[in-house]
Amino acid sequence: AIRWTWGNTVYADSVKGRFTISRD
């Protein structure tokens, strides 16, 4: 998940290091 304005993110342990969330 990502906060739209601030860019704070959180990841499930199962995907940390493999998946990256971002927004444009």
mmCIF file of all heavy atoms, coordinates in Angstrom:
data_MODEL
# 
_entry.id   MODEL 
# 
loop_
_atom_site.group_PDB 
_atom_site.id 
_atom_site.type_symbol 
_atom_site.label_atom_id 
_atom_site.label_alt_id 
_atom_site.label_comp_id 
_atom_site.label_asym_id 
_atom_site.label_entity_id 
_atom_site.label_seq_id 
_atom_site.pdbx_PDB_ins_code 
_atom_site.Cartn_x 
_atom_site.Cartn_y 
_atom_site.Cartn_z 
_atom_site.occupancy 
_atom_site.B_iso_or_equiv 
_atom_site.pdbx_formal_charge 
_atom_site.auth_seq_id 
_atom_site.auth_comp_id 
_atom_site.auth_asym_id 
_atom_site.auth_atom_id 
_atom_site.pdbx_PDB_model_num 
ATOM 1   N N   . ALA A 1 1  ? 0.837  -1.191  0.000   1.00 0.00 ? 1  ALA A N   1 
ATOM 2   C CA  . ALA A 1 1  ? 0.000  0.000   0.000   1.00 0.00 ? 1  ALA A CA  1 
ATOM 3   C C   . ALA A 1 1  ? 0.874  1.244   0.000   1.00 0.00 ? 1  ALA A C   1 
ATOM 4   O O   . ALA A 1 1  ? 2.025  1.215   0.455   1.00 0.00 ? 1  ALA A O   1 
ATOM 5   C CB  . ALA A 1 1  ? -0.939 0.015   1.200   1.00 0.00 ? 1  ALA A CB  1 
ATOM 6   N N   . ILE A 1 2  ? 0.309  2.334   -0.489  1.00 0.00 ? 2  ILE A N   1 
ATOM 7   C CA  . ILE A 1 2  ? 1.030  3.597   -0.559  1.00 0.00 ? 2  ILE A CA  1 
ATOM 8   C C   . ILE A 1 2  ? 0.069  4.747   -0.286  1.00 0.00 ? 2  ILE A C   1 
ATOM 9   O O   . ILE A 1 2  ? -1.065 4.754   -0.767  1.00 0.00 ? 2  ILE A O   1 
ATOM 10  C CB  . ILE A 1 2  ? 1.720  3.757   -1.937  1.00 0.00 ? 2  ILE A CB  1 
ATOM 11  C CG1 . ILE A 1 2  ? 2.588  5.018   -1.971  1.00 0.00 ? 2  ILE A CG1 1 
ATOM 12  C CG2 . ILE A 1 2  ? 0.704  3.766   -3.076  1.00 0.00 ? 2  ILE A CG2 1 
ATOM 13  C CD1 . ILE A 1 2  ? 3.509  5.074   -3.188  1.00 0.00 ? 2  ILE A CD1 1 
ATOM 14  N N   . ARG A 1 3  ? 0.517  5.701   0.504   1.00 0.00 ? 3  ARG A N   1 
ATOM 15  C CA  . ARG A 1 3  ? -0.240 6.937   0.684   1.00 0.00 ? 3  ARG A CA  1 
ATOM 16  C C   . ARG A 1 3  ? 0.055  7.834   -0.500  1.00 0.00 ? 3  ARG A C   1 
ATOM 17  O O   . ARG A 1 3  ? 1.218  8.120   -0.812  1.00 0.00 ? 3  ARG A O   1 
ATOM 18  C CB  . ARG A 1 3  ? 0.143  7.632   1.989   1.00 0.00 ? 3  ARG A CB  1 
ATOM 19  C CG  . ARG A 1 3  ? -0.287 6.876   3.233   1.00 0.00 ? 3  ARG A CG  1 
ATOM 20  C CD  . ARG A 1 3  ? -0.977 7.795   4.214   1.00 0.00 ? 3  ARG A CD  1 
ATOM 21  N NE  . ARG A 1 3  ? -2.276 8.259   3.715   1.00 0.00 ? 3  ARG A NE  1 
ATOM 22  C CZ  . ARG A 1 3  ? -3.030 9.168   4.328   1.00 0.00 ? 3  ARG A CZ  1 
ATOM 23  N NH1 . ARG A 1 3  ? -2.618 9.720   5.460   1.00 0.00 ? 3  ARG A NH1 1 
ATOM 24  N NH2 . ARG A 1 3  ? -4.198 9.520   3.812   1.00 0.00 ? 3  ARG A NH2 1 
ATOM 25  N N   . TRP A 1 4  ? -0.995 8.271   -1.153  1.00 0.00 ? 4  TRP A N   1 
ATOM 26  C CA  . TRP A 1 4  ? -0.841 8.945   -2.424  1.00 0.00 ? 4  TRP A CA  1 
ATOM 27  C C   . TRP A 1 4  ? 0.034  10.187  -2.336  1.00 0.00 ? 4  TRP A C   1 
ATOM 28  O O   . TRP A 1 4  ? 0.967  10.348  -3.126  1.00 0.00 ? 4  TRP A O   1 
ATOM 29  C CB  . TRP A 1 4  ? -2.214 9.320   -2.991  1.00 0.00 ? 4  TRP A CB  1 
ATOM 30  C CG  . TRP A 1 4  ? -2.105 9.906   -4.357  1.00 0.00 ? 4  TRP A CG  1 
ATOM 31  C CD1 . TRP A 1 4  ? -2.155 11.219  -4.700  1.00 0.00 ? 4  TRP A CD1 1 
ATOM 32  C CD2 . TRP A 1 4  ? -1.876 9.184   -5.567  1.00 0.00 ? 4  TRP A CD2 1 
ATOM 33  N NE1 . TRP A 1 4  ? -1.988 11.368  -6.052  1.00 0.00 ? 4  TRP A NE1 1 
ATOM 34  C CE2 . TRP A 1 4  ? -1.819 10.135  -6.608  1.00 0.00 ? 4  TRP A CE2 1 
ATOM 35  C CE3 . TRP A 1 4  ? -1.722 7.821   -5.864  1.00 0.00 ? 4  TRP A CE3 1 
ATOM 36  C CZ2 . TRP A 1 4  ? -1.610 9.770   -7.939  1.00 0.00 ? 4  TRP A CZ2 1 
ATOM 37  C CZ3 . TRP A 1 4  ? -1.506 7.458   -7.184  1.00 0.00 ? 4  TRP A CZ3 1 
ATOM 38  C CH2 . TRP A 1 4  ? -1.459 8.434   -8.193  1.00 0.00 ? 4  TRP A CH2 1 
ATOM 39  N N   . THR A 1 5  ? -0.244 11.060  -1.409  1.00 0.00 ? 5  THR A N   1 
ATOM 40  C CA  . THR A 1 5  ? 0.445  12.339  -1.339  1.00 0.00 ? 5  THR A CA  1 
ATOM 41  C C   . THR A 1 5  ? 1.855  12.216  -0.783  1.00 0.00 ? 5  THR A C   1 
ATOM 42  O O   . THR A 1 5  ? 2.793  12.817  -1.312  1.00 0.00 ? 5  THR A O   1 
ATOM 43  C CB  . THR A 1 5  ? -0.362 13.336  -0.503  1.00 0.00 ? 5  THR A CB  1 
ATOM 44  O OG1 . THR A 1 5  ? -1.606 13.608  -1.162  1.00 0.00 ? 5  THR A OG1 1 
ATOM 45  C CG2 . THR A 1 5  ? 0.399  14.646  -0.329  1.00 0.00 ? 5  THR A CG2 1 
ATOM 46  N N   . TRP A 1 6  ? 2.009  11.451  0.271   1.00 0.00 ? 6  TRP A N   1 
ATOM 47  C CA  . TRP A 1 6  ? 3.285  11.407  0.981   1.00 0.00 ? 6  TRP A CA  1 
ATOM 48  C C   . TRP A 1 6  ? 4.220  10.292  0.530   1.00 0.00 ? 6  TRP A C   1 
ATOM 49  O O   . TRP A 1 6  ? 5.423  10.364  0.782   1.00 0.00 ? 6  TRP A O   1 
ATOM 50  C CB  . TRP A 1 6  ? 3.026  11.291  2.487   1.00 0.00 ? 6  TRP A CB  1 
ATOM 51  C CG  . TRP A 1 6  ? 2.296  12.478  3.013   1.00 0.00 ? 6  TRP A CG  1 
ATOM 52  C CD1 . TRP A 1 6  ? 2.837  13.650  3.427   1.00 0.00 ? 6  TRP A CD1 1 
ATOM 53  C CD2 . TRP A 1 6  ? 0.883  12.610  3.156   1.00 0.00 ? 6  TRP A CD2 1 
ATOM 54  N NE1 . TRP A 1 6  ? 1.849  14.516  3.826   1.00 0.00 ? 6  TRP A NE1 1 
ATOM 55  C CE2 . TRP A 1 6  ? 0.635  13.907  3.670   1.00 0.00 ? 6  TRP A CE2 1 
ATOM 56  C CE3 . TRP A 1 6  ? -0.204 11.769  2.907   1.00 0.00 ? 6  TRP A CE3 1 
ATOM 57  C CZ2 . TRP A 1 6  ? -0.651 14.370  3.933   1.00 0.00 ? 6  TRP A CZ2 1 
ATOM 58  C CZ3 . TRP A 1 6  ? -1.489 12.236  3.166   1.00 0.00 ? 6  TRP A CZ3 1 
ATOM 59  C CH2 . TRP A 1 6  ? -1.699 13.519  3.673   1.00 0.00 ? 6  TRP A CH2 1 
ATOM 60  N N   . GLY A 1 7  ? 3.690  9.283   -0.104  1.00 0.00 ? 7  GLY A N   1 
ATOM 61  C CA  . GLY A 1 7  ? 4.522  8.208   -0.602  1.00 0.00 ? 7  GLY A CA  1 
ATOM 62  C C   . GLY A 1 7  ? 4.905  7.157   0.415   1.00 0.00 ? 7  GLY A C   1 
ATOM 63  O O   . GLY A 1 7  ? 5.719  6.276   0.091   1.00 0.00 ? 7  GLY A O   1 
ATOM 64  N N   . ASN A 1 8  ? 4.374  7.225   1.614   1.00 0.00 ? 8  ASN A N   1 
ATOM 65  C CA  . ASN A 1 8  ? 4.643  6.189   2.606   1.00 0.00 ? 8  ASN A CA  1 
ATOM 66  C C   . ASN A 1 8  ? 4.155  4.849   2.088   1.00 0.00 ? 8  ASN A C   1 
ATOM 67  O O   . ASN A 1 8  ? 3.082  4.768   1.488   1.00 0.00 ? 8  ASN A O   1 
ATOM 68  C CB  . ASN A 1 8  ? 3.934  6.497   3.921   1.00 0.00 ? 8  ASN A CB  1 
ATOM 69  C CG  . ASN A 1 8  ? 4.203  7.898   4.416   1.00 0.00 ? 8  ASN A CG  1 
ATOM 70  O OD1 . ASN A 1 8  ? 3.698  8.876   3.845   1.00 0.00 ? 8  ASN A OD1 1 
ATOM 71  N ND2 . ASN A 1 8  ? 4.982  8.000   5.485   1.00 0.00 ? 8  ASN A ND2 1 
ATOM 72  N N   . THR A 1 9  ? 4.917  3.807   2.334   1.00 0.00 ? 9  THR A N   1 
ATOM 73  C CA  . THR A 1 9  ? 4.571  2.489   1.821   1.00 0.00 ? 9  THR A CA  1 
ATOM 74  C C   . THR A 1 9  ? 4.636  1.434   2.908   1.00 0.00 ? 9  THR A C   1 
ATOM 75  O O   . THR A 1 9  ? 5.307  1.602   3.928   1.00 0.00 ? 9  THR A O   1 
ATOM 76  C CB  . THR A 1 9  ? 5.499  2.066   0.678   1.00 0.00 ? 9  THR A CB  1 
ATOM 77  O OG1 . THR A 1 9  ? 6.847  2.019   1.158   1.00 0.00 ? 9  THR A OG1 1 
ATOM 78  C CG2 . THR A 1 9  ? 5.416  3.037   -0.482  1.00 0.00 ? 9  THR A CG2 1 
ATOM 79  N N   . VAL A 1 10 ? 3.953  0.340   2.662   1.00 0.00 ? 10 VAL A N   1 
ATOM 80  C CA  . VAL A 1 10 ? 4.023  -0.833  3.512   1.00 0.00 ? 10 VAL A CA  1 
ATOM 81  C C   . VAL A 1 10 ? 3.937  -2.051  2.599   1.00 0.00 ? 10 VAL A C   1 
ATOM 82  O O   . VAL A 1 10 ? 3.245  -2.020  1.575   1.00 0.00 ? 10 VAL A O   1 
ATOM 83  C CB  . VAL A 1 10 ? 2.915  -0.837  4.590   1.00 0.00 ? 10 VAL A CB  1 
ATOM 84  C CG1 . VAL A 1 10 ? 1.534  -0.868  3.952   1.00 0.00 ? 10 VAL A CG1 1 
ATOM 85  C CG2 . VAL A 1 10 ? 3.100  -1.987  5.558   1.00 0.00 ? 10 VAL A CG2 1 
ATOM 86  N N   . TYR A 1 11 ? 4.656  -3.120  2.973   1.00 0.00 ? 11 TYR A N   1 
ATOM 87  C CA  . TYR A 1 11 ? 4.693  -4.335  2.177   1.00 0.00 ? 11 TYR A CA  1 
ATOM 88  C C   . TYR A 1 11 ? 4.424  -5.551  3.038   1.00 0.00 ? 11 TYR A C   1 
ATOM 89  O O   . TYR A 1 11 ? 4.824  -5.612  4.199   1.00 0.00 ? 11 TYR A O   1 
ATOM 90  C CB  . TYR A 1 11 ? 6.060  -4.519  1.522   1.00 0.00 ? 11 TYR A CB  1 
ATOM 91  C CG  . TYR A 1 11 ? 6.394  -3.491  0.473   1.00 0.00 ? 11 TYR A CG  1 
ATOM 92  C CD1 . TYR A 1 11 ? 7.056  -2.321  0.809   1.00 0.00 ? 11 TYR A CD1 1 
ATOM 93  C CD2 . TYR A 1 11 ? 6.060  -3.709  -0.859  1.00 0.00 ? 11 TYR A CD2 1 
ATOM 94  C CE1 . TYR A 1 11 ? 7.369  -1.379  -0.155  1.00 0.00 ? 11 TYR A CE1 1 
ATOM 95  C CE2 . TYR A 1 11 ? 6.368  -2.770  -1.826  1.00 0.00 ? 11 TYR A CE2 1 
ATOM 96  C CZ  . TYR A 1 11 ? 7.025  -1.610  -1.472  1.00 0.00 ? 11 TYR A CZ  1 
ATOM 97  O OH  . TYR A 1 11 ? 7.332  -0.683  -2.442  1.00 0.00 ? 11 TYR A OH  1 
ATOM 98  N N   . ALA A 1 12 ? 3.778  -6.529  2.440   1.00 0.00 ? 12 ALA A N   1 
ATOM 99  C CA  . ALA A 1 12 ? 3.680  -7.832  3.070   1.00 0.00 ? 12 ALA A CA  1 
ATOM 100 C C   . ALA A 1 12 ? 5.059  -8.488  3.089   1.00 0.00 ? 12 ALA A C   1 
ATOM 101 O O   . ALA A 1 12 ? 5.860  -8.304  2.171   1.00 0.00 ? 12 ALA A O   1 
ATOM 102 C CB  . ALA A 1 12 ? 2.692  -8.713  2.316   1.00 0.00 ? 12 ALA A CB  1 
ATOM 103 N N   . ASP A 1 13 ? 5.325  -9.253  4.137   1.00 0.00 ? 13 ASP A N   1 
ATOM 104 C CA  . ASP A 1 13 ? 6.621  -9.916  4.240   1.00 0.00 ? 13 ASP A CA  1 
ATOM 105 C C   . ASP A 1 13 ? 6.898  -10.819 3.041   1.00 0.00 ? 13 ASP A C   1 
ATOM 106 O O   . ASP A 1 13 ? 8.050  -10.972 2.624   1.00 0.00 ? 13 ASP A O   1 
ATOM 107 C CB  . ASP A 1 13 ? 6.689  -10.733 5.524   1.00 0.00 ? 13 ASP A CB  1 
ATOM 108 C CG  . ASP A 1 13 ? 6.787  -9.872  6.766   1.00 0.00 ? 13 ASP A CG  1 
ATOM 109 O OD1 . ASP A 1 13 ? 7.157  -8.686  6.652   1.00 0.00 ? 13 ASP A OD1 1 
ATOM 110 O OD2 . ASP A 1 13 ? 6.504  -10.388 7.862   1.00 0.00 ? 13 ASP A OD2 1 
ATOM 111 N N   . SER A 1 14 ? 5.861  -11.396 2.493   1.00 0.00 ? 14 SER A N   1 
ATOM 112 C CA  . SER A 1 14 ? 6.034  -12.348 1.414   1.00 0.00 ? 14 SER A CA  1 
ATOM 113 C C   . SER A 1 14 ? 6.569  -11.731 0.126   1.00 0.00 ? 14 SER A C   1 
ATOM 114 O O   . SER A 1 14 ? 7.085  -12.453 -0.731  1.00 0.00 ? 14 SER A O   1 
ATOM 115 C CB  . SER A 1 14 ? 4.702  -13.053 1.123   1.00 0.00 ? 14 SER A CB  1 
ATOM 116 O OG  . SER A 1 14 ? 3.714  -12.118 0.728   1.00 0.00 ? 14 SER A OG  1 
ATOM 117 N N   . VAL A 1 15 ? 6.457  -10.412 -0.012  1.00 0.00 ? 15 VAL A N   1 
ATOM 118 C CA  . VAL A 1 15 ? 6.881  -9.771  -1.254  1.00 0.00 ? 15 VAL A CA  1 
ATOM 119 C C   . VAL A 1 15 ? 7.961  -8.722  -1.049  1.00 0.00 ? 15 VAL A C   1 
ATOM 120 O O   . VAL A 1 15 ? 8.410  -8.112  -2.034  1.00 0.00 ? 15 VAL A O   1 
ATOM 121 C CB  . VAL A 1 15 ? 5.685  -9.148  -2.004  1.00 0.00 ? 15 VAL A CB  1 
ATOM 122 C CG1 . VAL A 1 15 ? 4.639  -10.208 -2.301  1.00 0.00 ? 15 VAL A CG1 1 
ATOM 123 C CG2 . VAL A 1 15 ? 5.081  -8.003  -1.196  1.00 0.00 ? 15 VAL A CG2 1 
ATOM 124 N N   . LYS A 1 16 ? 8.392  -8.506  0.158   1.00 0.00 ? 16 LYS A N   1 
ATOM 125 C CA  . LYS A 1 16 ? 9.459  -7.542  0.409   1.00 0.00 ? 16 LYS A CA  1 
ATOM 126 C C   . LYS A 1 16 ? 10.716 -7.930  -0.360  1.00 0.00 ? 16 LYS A C   1 
ATOM 127 O O   . LYS A 1 16 ? 11.134 -9.082  -0.358  1.00 0.00 ? 16 LYS A O   1 
ATOM 128 C CB  . LYS A 1 16 ? 9.780  -7.463  1.896   1.00 0.00 ? 16 LYS A CB  1 
ATOM 129 C CG  . LYS A 1 16 ? 8.751  -6.718  2.722   1.00 0.00 ? 16 LYS A CG  1 
ATOM 130 C CD  . LYS A 1 16 ? 9.158  -6.675  4.182   1.00 0.00 ? 16 LYS A CD  1 
ATOM 131 C CE  . LYS A 1 16 ? 8.140  -5.915  5.011   1.00 0.00 ? 16 LYS A CE  1 
ATOM 132 N NZ  . LYS A 1 16 ? 8.486  -5.923  6.452   1.00 0.00 ? 16 LYS A NZ  1 
ATOM 133 N N   . GLY A 1 17 ? 11.296 -6.950  -1.026  1.00 0.00 ? 17 GLY A N   1 
ATOM 134 C CA  . GLY A 1 17 ? 12.492 -7.196  -1.799  1.00 0.00 ? 17 GLY A CA  1 
ATOM 135 C C   . GLY A 1 17 ? 12.229 -7.634  -3.222  1.00 0.00 ? 17 GLY A C   1 
ATOM 136 O O   . GLY A 1 17 ? 13.157 -7.632  -4.041  1.00 0.00 ? 17 GLY A O   1 
ATOM 137 N N   . ARG A 1 18 ? 11.001 -8.006  -3.531  1.00 0.00 ? 18 ARG A N   1 
ATOM 138 C CA  . ARG A 1 18 ? 10.648 -8.422  -4.887  1.00 0.00 ? 18 ARG A CA  1 
ATOM 139 C C   . ARG A 1 18 ? 9.655  -7.481  -5.551  1.00 0.00 ? 18 ARG A C   1 
ATOM 140 O O   . ARG A 1 18 ? 9.733  -7.252  -6.758  1.00 0.00 ? 18 ARG A O   1 
ATOM 141 C CB  . ARG A 1 18 ? 10.067 -9.833  -4.894  1.00 0.00 ? 18 ARG A CB  1 
ATOM 142 C CG  . ARG A 1 18 ? 11.042 -10.909 -4.478  1.00 0.00 ? 18 ARG A CG  1 
ATOM 143 C CD  . ARG A 1 18 ? 10.495 -12.287 -4.831  1.00 0.00 ? 18 ARG A CD  1 
ATOM 144 N NE  . ARG A 1 18 ? 9.228  -12.564 -4.161  1.00 0.00 ? 18 ARG A NE  1 
ATOM 145 C CZ  . ARG A 1 18 ? 8.111  -12.928 -4.795  1.00 0.00 ? 18 ARG A CZ  1 
ATOM 146 N NH1 . ARG A 1 18 ? 8.101  -13.060 -6.114  1.00 0.00 ? 18 ARG A NH1 1 
ATOM 147 N NH2 . ARG A 1 18 ? 7.010  -13.173 -4.106  1.00 0.00 ? 18 ARG A NH2 1 
ATOM 148 N N   . PHE A 1 19 ? 8.711  -6.972  -4.788  1.00 0.00 ? 19 PHE A N   1 
ATOM 149 C CA  . PHE A 1 19 ? 7.661  -6.104  -5.325  1.00 0.00 ? 19 PHE A CA  1 
ATOM 150 C C   . PHE A 1 19 ? 7.889  -4.677  -4.854  1.00 0.00 ? 19 PHE A C   1 
ATOM 151 O O   . PHE A 1 19 ? 8.319  -4.442  -3.716  1.00 0.00 ? 19 PHE A O   1 
ATOM 152 C CB  . PHE A 1 19 ? 6.282  -6.555  -4.850  1.00 0.00 ? 19 PHE A CB  1 
ATOM 153 C CG  . PHE A 1 19 ? 5.803  -7.860  -5.420  1.00 0.00 ? 19 PHE A CG  1 
ATOM 154 C CD1 . PHE A 1 19 ? 6.637  -8.691  -6.155  1.00 0.00 ? 19 PHE A CD1 1 
ATOM 155 C CD2 . PHE A 1 19 ? 4.484  -8.255  -5.218  1.00 0.00 ? 19 PHE A CD2 1 
ATOM 156 C CE1 . PHE A 1 19 ? 6.193  -9.893  -6.670  1.00 0.00 ? 19 PHE A CE1 1 
ATOM 157 C CE2 . PHE A 1 19 ? 4.026  -9.453  -5.726  1.00 0.00 ? 19 PHE A CE2 1 
ATOM 158 C CZ  . PHE A 1 19 ? 4.865  -10.273 -6.446  1.00 0.00 ? 19 PHE A CZ  1 
ATOM 159 N N   . THR A 1 20 ? 7.567  -3.722  -5.720  1.00 0.00 ? 20 THR A N   1 
ATOM 160 C CA  . THR A 1 20 ? 7.675  -2.316  -5.387  1.00 0.00 ? 20 THR A CA  1 
ATOM 161 C C   . THR A 1 20 ? 6.424  -1.583  -5.838  1.00 0.00 ? 20 THR A C   1 
ATOM 162 O O   . THR A 1 20 ? 6.032  -1.684  -7.004  1.00 0.00 ? 20 THR A O   1 
ATOM 163 C CB  . THR A 1 20 ? 8.900  -1.667  -6.044  1.00 0.00 ? 20 THR A CB  1 
ATOM 164 O OG1 . THR A 1 20 ? 10.087 -2.367  -5.663  1.00 0.00 ? 20 THR A OG1 1 
ATOM 165 C CG2 . THR A 1 20 ? 9.027  -0.209  -5.615  1.00 0.00 ? 20 THR A CG2 1 
ATOM 166 N N   . ILE A 1 21 ? 5.823  -0.838  -4.928  1.00 0.00 ? 21 ILE A N   1 
ATOM 167 C CA  . ILE A 1 21 ? 4.664  -0.033  -5.268  1.00 0.00 ? 21 ILE A CA  1 
ATOM 168 C C   . ILE A 1 21 ? 5.120  1.404   -5.514  1.00 0.00 ? 21 ILE A C   1 
ATOM 169 O O   . ILE A 1 21 ? 6.025  1.906   -4.847  1.00 0.00 ? 21 ILE A O   1 
ATOM 170 C CB  . ILE A 1 21 ? 3.590  -0.096  -4.160  1.00 0.00 ? 21 ILE A CB  1 
ATOM 171 C CG1 . ILE A 1 21 ? 2.269  0.502   -4.640  1.00 0.00 ? 21 ILE A CG1 1 
ATOM 172 C CG2 . ILE A 1 21 ? 4.064  0.588   -2.886  1.00 0.00 ? 21 ILE A CG2 1 
ATOM 173 C CD1 . ILE A 1 21 ? 1.105  0.250   -3.685  1.00 0.00 ? 21 ILE A CD1 1 
ATOM 174 N N   . SER A 1 22 ? 4.496  2.053   -6.474  1.00 0.00 ? 22 SER A N   1 
ATOM 175 C CA  . SER A 1 22 ? 4.812  3.443   -6.774  1.00 0.00 ? 22 SER A CA  1 
ATOM 176 C C   . SER A 1 22 ? 3.603  4.093   -7.410  1.00 0.00 ? 22 SER A C   1 
ATOM 177 O O   . SER A 1 22 ? 2.618  3.420   -7.735  1.00 0.00 ? 22 SER A O   1 
ATOM 178 C CB  . SER A 1 22 ? 6.032  3.546   -7.692  1.00 0.00 ? 22 SER A CB  1 
ATOM 179 O OG  . SER A 1 22 ? 5.783  2.924   -8.940  1.00 0.00 ? 22 SER A OG  1 
ATOM 180 N N   . ARG A 1 23 ? 3.667  5.407   -7.571  1.00 0.00 ? 23 ARG A N   1 
ATOM 181 C CA  . ARG A 1 23 ? 2.569  6.097   -8.226  1.00 0.00 ? 23 ARG A CA  1 
ATOM 182 C C   . ARG A 1 23 ? 3.098  7.240   -9.071  1.00 0.00 ? 23 ARG A C   1 
ATOM 183 O O   . ARG A 1 23 ? 4.175  7.778   -8.821  1.00 0.00 ? 23 ARG A O   1 
ATOM 184 C CB  . ARG A 1 23 ? 1.527  6.596   -7.213  1.00 0.00 ? 23 ARG A CB  1 
ATOM 185 C CG  . ARG A 1 23 ? 1.818  7.948   -6.544  1.00 0.00 ? 23 ARG A CG  1 
ATOM 186 C CD  . ARG A 1 23 ? 2.879  7.830   -5.498  1.00 0.00 ? 23 ARG A CD  1 
ATOM 187 N NE  . ARG A 1 23 ? 2.898  8.983   -4.605  1.00 0.00 ? 23 ARG A NE  1 
ATOM 188 C CZ  . ARG A 1 23 ? 4.005  9.514   -4.112  1.00 0.00 ? 23 ARG A CZ  1 
ATOM 189 N NH1 . ARG A 1 23 ? 5.199  8.965   -4.405  1.00 0.00 ? 23 ARG A NH1 1 
ATOM 190 N NH2 . ARG A 1 23 ? 3.930  10.559  -3.306  1.00 0.00 ? 23 ARG A NH2 1 
ATOM 191 N N   . ASP A 1 24 ? 2.322  7.587   -10.076 1.00 0.00 ? 24 ASP A N   1 
ATOM 192 C CA  . ASP A 1 24 ? 2.615  8.690   -10.966 1.00 0.00 ? 24 ASP A CA  1 
ATOM 193 C C   . ASP A 1 24 ? 1.435  9.645   -10.876 1.00 0.00 ? 24 ASP A C   1 
ATOM 194 O O   . ASP A 1 24 ? 0.361  9.372   -11.419 1.00 0.00 ? 24 ASP A O   1 
ATOM 195 C CB  . ASP A 1 24 ? 2.811  8.185   -12.394 1.00 0.00 ? 24 ASP A CB  1 
ATOM 196 C CG  . ASP A 1 24 ? 3.241  9.277   -13.352 1.00 0.00 ? 24 ASP A CG  1 
ATOM 197 O OD1 . ASP A 1 24 ? 2.954  10.458  -13.103 1.00 0.00 ? 24 ASP A OD1 1 
ATOM 198 O OD2 . ASP A 1 24 ? 3.879  8.931   -14.369 1.00 0.00 ? 24 ASP A OD2 1 
# 
